[in-house]
């Protein structure tokens, strides 16, 4: 199996997981991954969003 086939198989598996599990479960897991990536990259949430040109949400 080549790399593209492996990636497509993963995308299909993830889509199935998202369809069959509650939002709260998979979004919590994604949050852990994203926070870990930001921490290892030494970026704050705001720096990451700026890099992606996504406006940060105000927390009041």
N, C-alpha and C. Protein backbone atom coordinates (compact mmCIF):
# COMPACT_ATOMS: atom_id res chain seq x y z
N UNK A 1 0.86 -1.18 0.00
CA UNK A 1 0.00 0.00 0.00
C UNK A 1 0.90 1.24 0.00
N UNK A 2 0.66 2.14 -0.92
CA UNK A 2 1.49 3.35 -0.97
C UNK A 2 0.98 4.40 0.02
N UNK A 3 1.73 5.49 0.16
CA UNK A 3 1.42 6.53 1.14
C UNK A 3 0.05 7.15 0.91
N UNK A 4 -0.30 7.45 -0.33
CA UNK A 4 -1.60 8.06 -0.61
C UNK A 4 -2.74 7.11 -0.23
N UNK A 5 -2.58 5.85 -0.52
CA UNK A 5 -3.61 4.86 -0.15
C UNK A 5 -3.76 4.78 1.36
N UNK A 6 -2.63 4.81 2.07
CA UNK A 6 -2.67 4.78 3.53
C UNK A 6 -3.39 6.01 4.09
N UNK A 7 -3.08 7.17 3.52
CA UNK A 7 -3.74 8.40 3.98
C UNK A 7 -5.24 8.35 3.72
N UNK A 8 -5.65 7.89 2.56
CA UNK A 8 -7.07 7.81 2.23
C UNK A 8 -7.78 6.80 3.15
N UNK A 9 -7.11 5.70 3.46
CA UNK A 9 -7.69 4.71 4.37
C UNK A 9 -7.88 5.33 5.76
N UNK A 10 -6.89 6.12 6.21
CA UNK A 10 -7.01 6.79 7.49
C UNK A 10 -8.17 7.79 7.48
N UNK A 11 -8.28 8.58 6.40
CA UNK A 11 -9.37 9.57 6.29
C UNK A 11 -10.72 8.86 6.36
N UNK A 12 -10.87 7.77 5.64
CA UNK A 12 -12.13 7.00 5.68
C UNK A 12 -12.42 6.48 7.09
N UNK A 13 -11.38 5.96 7.75
CA UNK A 13 -11.56 5.43 9.11
C UNK A 13 -11.94 6.55 10.08
N UNK A 14 -11.27 7.71 9.96
CA UNK A 14 -11.59 8.83 10.85
C UNK A 14 -13.01 9.34 10.60
N UNK A 15 -13.41 9.44 9.34
CA UNK A 15 -14.76 9.89 9.03
C UNK A 15 -15.79 8.95 9.64
N UNK A 16 -15.54 7.67 9.57
CA UNK A 16 -16.45 6.68 10.18
C UNK A 16 -16.49 6.86 11.69
N UNK A 17 -15.34 7.09 12.30
CA UNK A 17 -15.27 7.30 13.75
C UNK A 17 -16.09 8.52 14.16
N UNK A 18 -15.92 9.62 13.41
CA UNK A 18 -16.63 10.86 13.71
C UNK A 18 -18.14 10.66 13.57
N UNK A 19 -18.54 9.88 12.58
CA UNK A 19 -19.98 9.62 12.38
C UNK A 19 -20.58 8.76 13.48
N UNK A 20 -19.77 7.88 14.09
CA UNK A 20 -20.30 6.89 15.03
C UNK A 20 -20.01 7.19 16.50
N UNK A 21 -19.36 8.32 16.78
CA UNK A 21 -19.06 8.69 18.17
C UNK A 21 -19.56 10.10 18.44
N UNK A 22 -19.91 10.38 19.69
CA UNK A 22 -20.41 11.71 20.04
C UNK A 22 -19.36 12.80 19.79
N UNK A 23 -19.84 13.98 19.40
CA UNK A 23 -18.95 15.12 19.15
C UNK A 23 -18.03 15.37 20.35
N UNK A 24 -18.58 15.27 21.54
CA UNK A 24 -17.80 15.58 22.74
C UNK A 24 -16.61 14.64 22.89
N UNK A 25 -16.74 13.41 22.44
CA UNK A 25 -15.65 12.44 22.55
C UNK A 25 -14.52 12.73 21.56
N UNK A 26 -14.85 12.84 20.29
CA UNK A 26 -13.77 13.02 19.30
C UNK A 26 -13.21 14.44 19.32
N UNK A 27 -14.03 15.44 19.67
CA UNK A 27 -13.49 16.80 19.72
C UNK A 27 -12.53 16.96 20.89
N UNK A 28 -12.80 16.27 21.99
CA UNK A 28 -11.89 16.29 23.14
C UNK A 28 -10.54 15.67 22.75
N UNK A 29 -10.61 14.58 21.98
CA UNK A 29 -9.38 13.93 21.53
C UNK A 29 -8.59 14.84 20.59
N UNK A 30 -9.29 15.52 19.69
CA UNK A 30 -8.62 16.44 18.78
C UNK A 30 -7.97 17.59 19.55
N UNK A 31 -8.65 18.06 20.58
CA UNK A 31 -8.11 19.14 21.41
C UNK A 31 -6.78 18.74 22.04
N UNK A 32 -6.68 17.51 22.51
CA UNK A 32 -5.44 17.02 23.11
C UNK A 32 -4.32 17.03 22.07
N UNK A 33 -4.62 16.55 20.87
CA UNK A 33 -3.62 16.51 19.80
C UNK A 33 -3.17 17.91 19.42
N UNK A 34 -4.12 18.80 19.21
CA UNK A 34 -3.79 20.17 18.79
C UNK A 34 -2.98 20.87 19.86
N UNK A 35 -3.40 20.76 21.12
CA UNK A 35 -2.66 21.40 22.20
C UNK A 35 -1.24 20.86 22.31
N UNK A 36 -1.08 19.55 22.11
CA UNK A 36 0.24 18.94 22.14
C UNK A 36 1.12 19.48 21.01
N UNK A 37 0.55 19.61 19.83
CA UNK A 37 1.31 20.16 18.70
C UNK A 37 1.72 21.59 18.96
N UNK A 38 0.81 22.39 19.50
CA UNK A 38 1.14 23.79 19.80
C UNK A 38 2.23 23.88 20.85
N UNK A 39 2.15 23.02 21.86
CA UNK A 39 3.15 23.05 22.92
C UNK A 39 4.52 22.67 22.37
N UNK A 40 4.57 21.64 21.56
CA UNK A 40 5.87 21.20 21.03
C UNK A 40 6.43 22.22 20.03
N UNK A 41 5.56 23.00 19.40
CA UNK A 41 6.02 24.02 18.47
C UNK A 41 6.30 25.34 19.18
N UNK A 42 6.07 25.38 20.47
CA UNK A 42 6.27 26.58 21.29
C UNK A 42 5.44 27.76 20.77
N UNK A 43 4.24 27.48 20.33
CA UNK A 43 3.33 28.53 19.87
C UNK A 43 2.18 28.67 20.87
N UNK A 44 1.74 29.89 21.04
CA UNK A 44 0.51 30.10 21.79
C UNK A 44 -0.66 29.87 20.84
N UNK A 45 -1.85 29.73 21.40
CA UNK A 45 -3.04 29.59 20.57
C UNK A 45 -3.19 30.78 19.64
N UNK A 46 -2.92 31.98 20.18
CA UNK A 46 -3.05 33.19 19.38
C UNK A 46 -2.02 33.23 18.24
N UNK A 47 -0.79 32.79 18.52
CA UNK A 47 0.23 32.76 17.47
C UNK A 47 -0.16 31.78 16.37
N UNK A 48 -0.68 30.64 16.77
CA UNK A 48 -1.11 29.63 15.79
C UNK A 48 -2.23 30.18 14.91
N UNK A 49 -3.22 30.79 15.54
CA UNK A 49 -4.34 31.33 14.78
C UNK A 49 -3.89 32.45 13.84
N UNK A 50 -2.95 33.27 14.31
CA UNK A 50 -2.42 34.32 13.45
C UNK A 50 -1.69 33.72 12.25
N UNK A 51 -0.93 32.68 12.51
CA UNK A 51 -0.21 32.01 11.44
C UNK A 51 -1.19 31.46 10.40
N UNK A 52 -2.31 30.95 10.87
CA UNK A 52 -3.34 30.40 9.99
C UNK A 52 -4.30 31.48 9.49
N UNK A 53 -4.12 32.71 9.96
CA UNK A 53 -4.97 33.84 9.62
C UNK A 53 -6.43 33.60 10.00
N UNK A 54 -6.62 33.00 11.16
CA UNK A 54 -7.95 32.77 11.70
C UNK A 54 -8.12 33.70 12.88
N UNK A 55 -9.16 34.53 12.89
CA UNK A 55 -9.35 35.45 14.02
C UNK A 55 -9.59 34.66 15.32
N UNK A 56 -8.90 35.06 16.35
CA UNK A 56 -9.06 34.41 17.66
C UNK A 56 -10.41 34.82 18.24
N UNK A 57 -11.05 33.88 18.95
CA UNK A 57 -12.30 34.18 19.64
C UNK A 57 -11.99 34.91 20.93
N UNK A 58 -12.77 35.93 21.24
CA UNK A 58 -12.58 36.64 22.51
C UNK A 58 -13.19 35.81 23.62
N UNK A 59 -12.46 35.69 24.70
CA UNK A 59 -12.95 34.99 25.89
C UNK A 59 -13.22 36.01 26.97
N UNK A 60 -14.49 36.23 27.26
CA UNK A 60 -14.87 37.23 28.26
C UNK A 60 -15.65 36.59 29.36
